[in-house]
Amino acid sequence: MRDFAAIDFETANECPSSVCSVGIVVVRDGRIADRFYSLIHPEPDYYQWFCRRVHGLGPEDTEDAPVFPYVWEKAGPLIEGLPLVAHNSRFDEGCLRQVFRVYQMDYPDYEFHDTLSASRQYFGKTIANHQLQTVAAACGYDLTSHHHALADAEACAYIAMSIL
């Protein structure tokens, strides 16, 4: 796969629509061509402690952030026509579908590929687990800011360039 966009969302709570940040890394001709990151004012607008513990974001970070439709006005054109790649794509695709539904936006039926399932096929039991940071390291990428949406999207892009 030489042209795609790796995407990662972080959520504020258990609702998939509560995206509070997005990271996108666009790959064209096998090289990183663009990066996009934005905080997002989540909907519903509350943070659960376990989400805060994972990514470190809270209401103080997103109270003045744009809501999803304004973020997607910038992000959508970057990924138009590209397949999307995510590590555990069920999560990220679910977030995208739900936030589109909440804001009553027409969902473009993005094509998703999953680096988690690809990792399980490619590496099997040769690595300790198939978590993003483990797979990234096996592909030669050092993920130092795990659970920052842009860092995770970049790690996913490197994984996809290596094994998809």
N, C-alpha and C. Protein backbone atom coordinates (compact mmCIF):
# COMPACT_ATOMS: atom_id res chain seq x y z
N MET A 1 0.84 -1.17 0.00
CA MET A 1 0.00 0.00 0.00
C MET A 1 0.89 1.24 0.00
N ARG A 2 0.73 2.08 -1.01
CA ARG A 2 1.63 3.24 -1.14
C ARG A 2 0.92 4.57 -0.93
N ASP A 3 -0.40 4.59 -1.04
CA ASP A 3 -1.18 5.81 -0.84
C ASP A 3 -2.31 5.52 0.14
N PHE A 4 -2.28 6.17 1.28
CA PHE A 4 -3.29 5.96 2.31
C PHE A 4 -3.17 7.06 3.35
N ALA A 5 -4.10 7.06 4.29
CA ALA A 5 -4.03 7.97 5.42
C ALA A 5 -4.20 7.16 6.69
N ALA A 6 -3.24 7.27 7.60
CA ALA A 6 -3.34 6.64 8.91
C ALA A 6 -4.08 7.62 9.82
N ILE A 7 -5.01 7.09 10.62
CA ILE A 7 -5.83 7.95 11.46
C ILE A 7 -5.94 7.38 12.86
N ASP A 8 -5.97 8.28 13.84
CA ASP A 8 -6.14 7.86 15.23
C ASP A 8 -6.99 8.89 15.96
N PHE A 9 -7.95 8.39 16.74
CA PHE A 9 -8.78 9.24 17.59
C PHE A 9 -8.52 8.91 19.05
N GLU A 10 -8.65 9.93 19.88
CA GLU A 10 -8.73 9.75 21.33
C GLU A 10 -10.12 10.21 21.72
N THR A 11 -10.71 9.56 22.73
CA THR A 11 -12.06 9.90 23.16
C THR A 11 -12.07 10.38 24.60
N ALA A 12 -13.08 11.20 24.91
CA ALA A 12 -13.21 11.78 26.23
C ALA A 12 -13.91 10.85 27.21
N ASN A 13 -14.72 9.95 26.69
CA ASN A 13 -15.49 9.05 27.56
C ASN A 13 -15.81 7.77 26.79
N GLU A 14 -16.74 6.99 27.32
CA GLU A 14 -17.03 5.69 26.71
C GLU A 14 -17.82 5.79 25.41
N CYS A 15 -18.35 6.96 25.08
CA CYS A 15 -19.12 7.13 23.85
C CYS A 15 -18.17 7.29 22.66
N PRO A 16 -18.33 6.47 21.64
CA PRO A 16 -17.44 6.59 20.48
C PRO A 16 -17.47 7.96 19.82
N SER A 17 -18.58 8.68 19.97
CA SER A 17 -18.68 10.01 19.35
C SER A 17 -17.91 11.08 20.11
N SER A 18 -17.38 10.76 21.28
CA SER A 18 -16.73 11.77 22.13
C SER A 18 -15.28 12.02 21.74
N VAL A 19 -15.00 12.06 20.45
CA VAL A 19 -13.62 12.29 20.01
C VAL A 19 -13.13 13.63 20.54
N CYS A 20 -11.94 13.61 21.14
CA CYS A 20 -11.38 14.85 21.70
C CYS A 20 -10.08 15.23 21.02
N SER A 21 -9.54 14.34 20.20
CA SER A 21 -8.39 14.68 19.36
C SER A 21 -8.32 13.70 18.20
N VAL A 22 -7.71 14.18 17.12
CA VAL A 22 -7.52 13.35 15.94
C VAL A 22 -6.12 13.61 15.41
N GLY A 23 -5.48 12.54 14.96
CA GLY A 23 -4.21 12.63 14.27
C GLY A 23 -4.33 11.91 12.94
N ILE A 24 -3.81 12.53 11.89
CA ILE A 24 -3.85 11.95 10.55
C ILE A 24 -2.47 12.09 9.93
N VAL A 25 -1.98 11.00 9.35
CA VAL A 25 -0.73 11.03 8.59
C VAL A 25 -1.04 10.53 7.19
N VAL A 26 -0.81 11.38 6.22
CA VAL A 26 -1.09 11.05 4.82
C VAL A 26 0.19 10.52 4.18
N VAL A 27 0.07 9.35 3.55
CA VAL A 27 1.20 8.73 2.86
C VAL A 27 0.87 8.68 1.37
N ARG A 28 1.77 9.22 0.58
CA ARG A 28 1.62 9.19 -0.87
C ARG A 28 2.92 8.65 -1.48
N ASP A 29 2.75 7.71 -2.38
CA ASP A 29 3.89 7.08 -3.03
C ASP A 29 4.89 6.51 -2.01
N GLY A 30 4.34 5.96 -0.92
CA GLY A 30 5.17 5.30 0.09
C GLY A 30 5.94 6.23 1.01
N ARG A 31 5.61 7.52 1.00
CA ARG A 31 6.31 8.50 1.86
C ARG A 31 5.30 9.38 2.57
N ILE A 32 5.64 9.79 3.77
CA ILE A 32 4.76 10.69 4.50
C ILE A 32 4.72 12.04 3.77
N ALA A 33 3.53 12.44 3.39
CA ALA A 33 3.35 13.66 2.61
C ALA A 33 2.71 14.78 3.42
N ASP A 34 1.95 14.42 4.47
CA ASP A 34 1.27 15.45 5.25
C ASP A 34 0.90 14.89 6.62
N ARG A 35 0.76 15.81 7.57
CA ARG A 35 0.33 15.46 8.92
C ARG A 35 -0.74 16.45 9.35
N PHE A 36 -1.70 15.98 10.14
CA PHE A 36 -2.75 16.85 10.65
C PHE A 36 -3.07 16.42 12.08
N TYR A 37 -3.20 17.41 12.95
CA TYR A 37 -3.60 17.14 14.34
C TYR A 37 -4.52 18.24 14.80
N SER A 38 -5.54 17.86 15.56
CA SER A 38 -6.42 18.86 16.16
C SER A 38 -7.05 18.31 17.43
N LEU A 39 -7.16 19.18 18.40
CA LEU A 39 -8.04 18.91 19.53
C LEU A 39 -9.46 19.13 19.04
N ILE A 40 -10.42 18.48 19.69
CA ILE A 40 -11.83 18.56 19.30
C ILE A 40 -12.66 18.71 20.57
N HIS A 41 -13.62 19.61 20.55
CA HIS A 41 -14.55 19.72 21.67
C HIS A 41 -15.48 18.50 21.59
N PRO A 42 -15.43 17.62 22.60
CA PRO A 42 -16.14 16.33 22.48
C PRO A 42 -17.66 16.47 22.64
N GLU A 43 -18.35 15.48 22.09
CA GLU A 43 -19.80 15.36 22.24
C GLU A 43 -20.13 13.89 22.46
N PRO A 44 -20.63 13.50 23.63
CA PRO A 44 -20.99 14.35 24.76
C PRO A 44 -19.75 14.93 25.46
N ASP A 45 -19.96 16.07 26.07
CA ASP A 45 -18.87 16.89 26.61
C ASP A 45 -18.61 16.60 28.08
N TYR A 46 -18.01 15.44 28.34
CA TYR A 46 -17.51 15.14 29.69
C TYR A 46 -16.37 14.14 29.54
N TYR A 47 -15.49 14.14 30.52
CA TYR A 47 -14.32 13.26 30.51
C TYR A 47 -14.44 12.23 31.62
N GLN A 48 -14.13 10.99 31.29
CA GLN A 48 -14.06 9.96 32.31
C GLN A 48 -12.61 9.77 32.72
N TRP A 49 -12.43 9.44 33.96
CA TRP A 49 -11.09 9.36 34.53
C TRP A 49 -10.20 8.39 33.77
N PHE A 50 -10.75 7.26 33.32
CA PHE A 50 -9.89 6.28 32.65
C PHE A 50 -9.41 6.79 31.29
N CYS A 51 -10.21 7.58 30.62
CA CYS A 51 -9.77 8.17 29.35
C CYS A 51 -8.70 9.22 29.60
N ARG A 52 -8.90 10.04 30.63
CA ARG A 52 -7.90 11.05 30.97
C ARG A 52 -6.58 10.39 31.33
N ARG A 53 -6.66 9.26 32.04
CA ARG A 53 -5.45 8.55 32.44
C ARG A 53 -4.70 8.01 31.22
N VAL A 54 -5.43 7.61 30.19
CA VAL A 54 -4.79 7.07 28.99
C VAL A 54 -4.09 8.16 28.19
N HIS A 55 -4.81 9.23 27.86
CA HIS A 55 -4.24 10.23 26.94
C HIS A 55 -3.88 11.56 27.58
N GLY A 56 -4.29 11.78 28.81
CA GLY A 56 -3.89 13.01 29.51
C GLY A 56 -4.67 14.25 29.15
N LEU A 57 -5.68 14.13 28.30
CA LEU A 57 -6.48 15.29 27.92
C LEU A 57 -7.67 15.44 28.85
N GLY A 58 -8.11 16.68 29.03
CA GLY A 58 -9.27 16.96 29.87
C GLY A 58 -10.01 18.17 29.35
N PRO A 59 -11.07 18.57 30.05
CA PRO A 59 -11.89 19.69 29.59
C PRO A 59 -11.10 20.98 29.43
N GLU A 60 -10.08 21.16 30.24
CA GLU A 60 -9.26 22.36 30.12
C GLU A 60 -8.52 22.42 28.79
N ASP A 61 -8.31 21.27 28.16
CA ASP A 61 -7.61 21.21 26.86
C ASP A 61 -8.55 21.47 25.69
N THR A 62 -9.81 21.10 25.84
CA THR A 62 -10.72 21.13 24.69
C THR A 62 -11.88 22.11 24.83
N GLU A 63 -11.95 22.86 25.93
CA GLU A 63 -13.10 23.76 26.11
C GLU A 63 -13.18 24.81 25.00
N ASP A 64 -12.06 25.24 24.47
CA ASP A 64 -12.07 26.23 23.38
C ASP A 64 -11.76 25.61 22.02
N ALA A 65 -11.70 24.29 21.97
CA ALA A 65 -11.40 23.60 20.70
C ALA A 65 -12.65 23.60 19.81
N PRO A 66 -12.44 23.51 18.51
CA PRO A 66 -13.61 23.45 17.60
C PRO A 66 -14.35 22.13 17.73
N VAL A 67 -15.64 22.15 17.40
CA VAL A 67 -16.40 20.90 17.35
C VAL A 67 -16.03 20.15 16.07
N PHE A 68 -16.39 18.88 16.04
CA PHE A 68 -15.95 17.99 14.97
C PHE A 68 -16.22 18.51 13.55
N PRO A 69 -17.41 19.02 13.22
CA PRO A 69 -17.62 19.45 11.83
C PRO A 69 -16.59 20.48 11.35
N TYR A 70 -16.16 21.37 12.23
CA TYR A 70 -15.17 22.37 11.83
C TYR A 70 -13.78 21.74 11.65
N VAL A 71 -13.47 20.78 12.48
CA VAL A 71 -12.20 20.07 12.32
C VAL A 71 -12.22 19.27 11.01
N TRP A 72 -13.35 18.63 10.72
CA TRP A 72 -13.43 17.78 9.53
C TRP A 72 -13.42 18.59 8.23
N GLU A 73 -13.80 19.87 8.30
CA GLU A 73 -13.67 20.73 7.11
C GLU A 73 -12.22 20.79 6.64
N LYS A 74 -11.29 20.70 7.58
CA LYS A 74 -9.86 20.72 7.25
C LYS A 74 -9.32 19.32 7.00
N ALA A 75 -9.75 18.37 7.82
CA ALA A 75 -9.21 17.01 7.74
C ALA A 75 -9.77 16.22 6.55
N GLY A 76 -11.04 16.37 6.28
CA GLY A 76 -11.69 15.59 5.22
C GLY A 76 -11.01 15.70 3.87
N PRO A 77 -10.69 16.91 3.41
CA PRO A 77 -10.03 17.03 2.11
C PRO A 77 -8.65 16.36 2.05
N LEU A 78 -7.96 16.28 3.18
CA LEU A 78 -6.64 15.63 3.20
C LEU A 78 -6.71 14.14 2.88
N ILE A 79 -7.82 13.51 3.27
CA ILE A 79 -7.92 12.06 3.13
C ILE A 79 -8.85 11.64 2.00
N GLU A 80 -9.41 12.60 1.30
CA GLU A 80 -10.37 12.29 0.24
C GLU A 80 -9.77 11.33 -0.78
N GLY A 81 -10.50 10.25 -1.05
CA GLY A 81 -10.09 9.28 -2.04
C GLY A 81 -9.05 8.28 -1.57
N LEU A 82 -8.61 8.40 -0.31
CA LEU A 82 -7.58 7.50 0.21
C LEU A 82 -8.20 6.45 1.13
N PRO A 83 -7.66 5.23 1.10
CA PRO A 83 -8.06 4.28 2.13
C PRO A 83 -7.49 4.73 3.48
N LEU A 84 -8.21 4.42 4.54
CA LEU A 84 -7.76 4.77 5.89
C LEU A 84 -7.19 3.55 6.58
N VAL A 85 -6.17 3.79 7.38
CA VAL A 85 -5.51 2.73 8.11
C VAL A 85 -5.52 3.12 9.59
N ALA A 86 -5.82 2.15 10.44
CA ALA A 86 -5.80 2.39 11.89
C ALA A 86 -5.39 1.11 12.59
N HIS A 87 -4.82 1.26 13.78
CA HIS A 87 -4.47 0.11 14.59
C HIS A 87 -5.67 -0.18 15.48
N ASN A 88 -6.30 -1.32 15.26
CA ASN A 88 -7.61 -1.66 15.81
C ASN A 88 -8.64 -0.74 15.16
N SER A 89 -8.78 -0.88 13.88
CA SER A 89 -9.62 0.01 13.07
C SER A 89 -11.08 0.00 13.50
N ARG A 90 -11.53 -1.07 14.15
CA ARG A 90 -12.93 -1.10 14.61
C ARG A 90 -13.20 0.08 15.53
N PHE A 91 -12.23 0.43 16.39
CA PHE A 91 -12.39 1.56 17.30
C PHE A 91 -12.47 2.87 16.52
N ASP A 92 -11.47 3.14 15.70
CA ASP A 92 -11.40 4.42 15.00
C ASP A 92 -12.53 4.58 13.97
N GLU A 93 -12.85 3.52 13.27
CA GLU A 93 -13.96 3.59 12.32
C GLU A 93 -15.27 3.81 13.08
N GLY A 94 -15.42 3.15 14.22
CA GLY A 94 -16.62 3.34 15.04
C GLY A 94 -16.75 4.77 15.53
N CYS A 95 -15.63 5.36 15.95
CA CYS A 95 -15.64 6.76 16.38
C CYS A 95 -16.06 7.66 15.22
N LEU A 96 -15.47 7.44 14.06
CA LEU A 96 -15.76 8.29 12.91
C LEU A 96 -17.23 8.18 12.50
N ARG A 97 -17.73 6.97 12.44
CA ARG A 97 -19.14 6.78 12.08
C ARG A 97 -20.07 7.46 13.10
N GLN A 98 -19.77 7.29 14.37
CA GLN A 98 -20.64 7.84 15.42
C GLN A 98 -20.62 9.36 15.45
N VAL A 99 -19.45 9.96 15.30
CA VAL A 99 -19.39 11.42 15.35
C VAL A 99 -20.05 12.02 14.11
N PHE A 100 -19.96 11.34 12.98
CA PHE A 100 -20.70 11.79 11.80
C PHE A 100 -22.20 11.73 12.08
N ARG A 101 -22.64 10.66 12.75
CA ARG A 101 -24.07 10.50 13.06
C ARG A 101 -24.54 11.58 14.02
N VAL A 102 -23.76 11.85 15.07
CA VAL A 102 -24.13 12.86 16.07
C VAL A 102 -24.35 14.22 15.42
N TYR A 103 -23.47 14.56 14.50
CA TYR A 103 -23.56 15.87 13.85
C TYR A 103 -24.38 15.83 12.55
N GLN A 104 -25.04 14.71 12.30
CA GLN A 104 -25.92 14.54 11.14
C GLN A 104 -25.21 14.90 9.84
N MET A 105 -23.99 14.39 9.73
CA MET A 105 -23.18 14.58 8.53
C MET A 105 -23.27 13.32 7.67
N ASP A 106 -23.18 13.47 6.37
CA ASP A 106 -23.20 12.32 5.46
C ASP A 106 -21.86 11.60 5.54
N TYR A 107 -21.90 10.33 5.92
CA TYR A 107 -20.67 9.54 6.05
C TYR A 107 -20.21 9.06 4.67
N PRO A 108 -18.96 9.34 4.30
CA PRO A 108 -18.47 8.99 2.96
C PRO A 108 -18.14 7.51 2.75
N ASP A 109 -18.42 6.66 3.70
CA ASP A 109 -18.14 5.22 3.58
C ASP A 109 -16.67 4.95 3.29
N TYR A 110 -15.84 5.45 4.18
CA TYR A 110 -14.39 5.27 4.05
C TYR A 110 -14.01 3.79 4.07
N GLU A 111 -12.98 3.45 3.33
CA GLU A 111 -12.42 2.10 3.31
C GLU A 111 -11.34 2.04 4.39
N PHE A 112 -11.51 1.14 5.36
CA PHE A 112 -10.55 1.01 6.46
C PHE A 112 -9.73 -0.26 6.33
N HIS A 113 -8.45 -0.17 6.73
CA HIS A 113 -7.56 -1.32 6.84
C HIS A 113 -7.03 -1.33 8.27
N ASP A 114 -6.81 -2.52 8.79
CA ASP A 114 -6.46 -2.67 10.21
C ASP A 114 -5.04 -3.21 10.38
N THR A 115 -4.16 -2.39 10.96
CA THR A 115 -2.79 -2.86 11.19
C THR A 115 -2.70 -3.84 12.35
N LEU A 116 -3.70 -3.86 13.24
CA LEU A 116 -3.69 -4.84 14.32
C LEU A 116 -3.87 -6.25 13.75
N SER A 117 -4.88 -6.45 12.93
CA SER A 117 -5.07 -7.78 12.34
C SER A 117 -3.94 -8.12 11.38
N ALA A 118 -3.43 -7.13 10.66
CA ALA A 118 -2.29 -7.38 9.77
C ALA A 118 -1.06 -7.81 10.57
N SER A 119 -0.86 -7.20 11.73
CA SER A 119 0.26 -7.56 12.59
C SER A 119 0.14 -9.00 13.08
N ARG A 120 -1.06 -9.38 13.46
CA ARG A 120 -1.26 -10.75 13.93
C ARG A 120 -0.93 -11.76 12.84
N GLN A 121 -1.28 -11.43 11.59
CA GLN A 121 -0.96 -12.32 10.48
C GLN A 121 0.53 -12.29 10.15
N TYR A 122 1.10 -11.10 10.13
CA TYR A 122 2.49 -10.93 9.70
C TYR A 122 3.49 -11.45 10.75
N PHE A 123 3.30 -11.04 12.02
CA PHE A 123 4.26 -11.39 13.06
C PHE A 123 3.88 -12.65 13.84
N GLY A 124 2.60 -12.97 13.87
CA GLY A 124 2.17 -14.15 14.63
C GLY A 124 2.64 -14.05 16.08
N LYS A 125 3.29 -15.11 16.53
CA LYS A 125 3.76 -15.15 17.93
C LYS A 125 5.23 -14.77 18.06
N THR A 126 5.77 -14.14 17.04
CA THR A 126 7.19 -13.76 17.10
C THR A 126 7.43 -12.48 17.90
N ILE A 127 6.35 -11.76 18.27
CA ILE A 127 6.48 -10.59 19.14
C ILE A 127 5.63 -10.81 20.38
N ALA A 128 5.94 -10.09 21.45
CA ALA A 128 5.30 -10.31 22.75
C ALA A 128 3.79 -10.08 22.72
N ASN A 129 3.35 -9.06 21.99
CA ASN A 129 1.93 -8.75 21.86
C ASN A 129 1.76 -7.91 20.60
N HIS A 130 0.56 -7.53 20.34
CA HIS A 130 0.30 -6.77 19.11
C HIS A 130 -0.21 -5.37 19.42
N GLN A 131 0.18 -4.84 20.57
CA GLN A 131 -0.15 -3.46 20.90
C GLN A 131 0.62 -2.53 19.97
N LEU A 132 0.09 -1.33 19.79
CA LEU A 132 0.66 -0.40 18.82
C LEU A 132 2.15 -0.18 19.04
N GLN A 133 2.56 0.09 20.27
CA GLN A 133 3.97 0.40 20.52
C GLN A 133 4.87 -0.82 20.26
N THR A 134 4.37 -2.01 20.51
CA THR A 134 5.15 -3.22 20.28
C THR A 134 5.33 -3.47 18.78
N VAL A 135 4.24 -3.35 18.05
CA VAL A 135 4.29 -3.57 16.60
C VAL A 135 5.14 -2.48 15.93
N ALA A 136 4.97 -1.25 16.38
CA ALA A 136 5.77 -0.15 15.83
C ALA A 136 7.26 -0.43 16.02
N ALA A 137 7.63 -0.87 17.22
CA ALA A 137 9.04 -1.18 17.49
C ALA A 137 9.53 -2.32 16.59
N ALA A 138 8.69 -3.32 16.37
CA ALA A 138 9.07 -4.43 15.50
C ALA A 138 9.27 -3.96 14.05
N CYS A 139 8.63 -2.85 13.71
CA CYS A 139 8.78 -2.26 12.37
C CYS A 139 9.85 -1.18 12.32
N GLY A 140 10.58 -1.00 13.44
CA GLY A 140 11.67 -0.04 13.46
C GLY A 140 11.27 1.38 13.82
N TYR A 141 10.07 1.57 14.38
CA TYR A 141 9.60 2.90 14.74
C TYR A 141 9.52 3.01 16.27
N ASP A 142 10.10 4.06 16.83
CA ASP A 142 10.08 4.27 18.27
C ASP A 142 8.93 5.20 18.64
N LEU A 143 7.87 4.64 19.19
CA LEU A 143 6.69 5.41 19.58
C LEU A 143 6.90 5.94 20.99
N THR A 144 7.29 7.19 21.09
CA THR A 144 7.61 7.76 22.41
C THR A 144 6.44 8.50 23.04
N SER A 145 5.45 8.90 22.28
CA SER A 145 4.31 9.65 22.83
C SER A 145 3.01 8.87 22.61
N HIS A 146 3.01 7.62 23.07
CA HIS A 146 1.84 6.76 22.87
C HIS A 146 0.59 7.42 23.44
N HIS A 147 -0.51 7.32 22.73
CA HIS A 147 -1.82 7.90 23.06
C HIS A 147 -1.90 9.39 22.79
N HIS A 148 -0.93 9.92 22.07
CA HIS A 148 -1.12 11.24 21.44
C HIS A 148 -1.57 10.88 20.03
N ALA A 149 -2.70 11.42 19.60
CA ALA A 149 -3.32 10.97 18.36
C ALA A 149 -2.39 11.07 17.15
N LEU A 150 -1.60 12.13 17.05
CA LEU A 150 -0.72 12.26 15.89
C LEU A 150 0.44 11.26 15.97
N ALA A 151 1.00 11.07 17.16
CA ALA A 151 2.08 10.10 17.31
C ALA A 151 1.59 8.69 16.99
N ASP A 152 0.39 8.35 17.45
CA ASP A 152 -0.16 7.03 17.17
C ASP A 152 -0.46 6.86 15.68
N ALA A 153 -0.96 7.91 15.04
CA ALA A 153 -1.22 7.83 13.59
C ALA A 153 0.08 7.65 12.82
N GLU A 154 1.13 8.33 13.26
CA GLU A 154 2.41 8.19 12.57
C GLU A 154 2.97 6.78 12.76
N ALA A 155 2.86 6.23 13.97
CA ALA A 155 3.30 4.86 14.20
C ALA A 155 2.52 3.89 13.32
N CYS A 156 1.23 4.11 13.23
CA CYS A 156 0.38 3.27 12.39
C CYS A 156 0.80 3.37 10.92
N ALA A 157 1.13 4.58 10.49
CA ALA A 157 1.58 4.75 9.10
C ALA A 157 2.86 3.95 8.84
N TYR A 158 3.80 3.99 9.77
CA TYR A 158 5.03 3.22 9.61
C TYR A 158 4.76 1.72 9.59
N ILE A 159 3.87 1.28 10.43
CA ILE A 159 3.49 -0.14 10.43
C ILE A 159 2.90 -0.50 9.07
N ALA A 160 1.97 0.31 8.60
CA ALA A 160 1.32 0.02 7.31
C ALA A 160 2.32 0.00 6.17
N MET A 161 3.28 0.94 6.18
CA MET A 161 4.29 0.96 5.11
C MET A 161 5.18 -0.28 5.19
N SER A 162 5.32 -0.84 6.39
CA SER A 162 6.19 -2.01 6.57
C SER A 162 5.51 -3.33 6.24
N ILE A 163 4.23 -3.48 6.63
CA ILE A 163 3.62 -4.82 6.54
C ILE A 163 2.38 -4.92 5.67
N LEU A 164 1.82 -3.80 5.22
CA LEU A 164 0.63 -3.91 4.36
C LEU A 164 1.06 -3.90 2.89
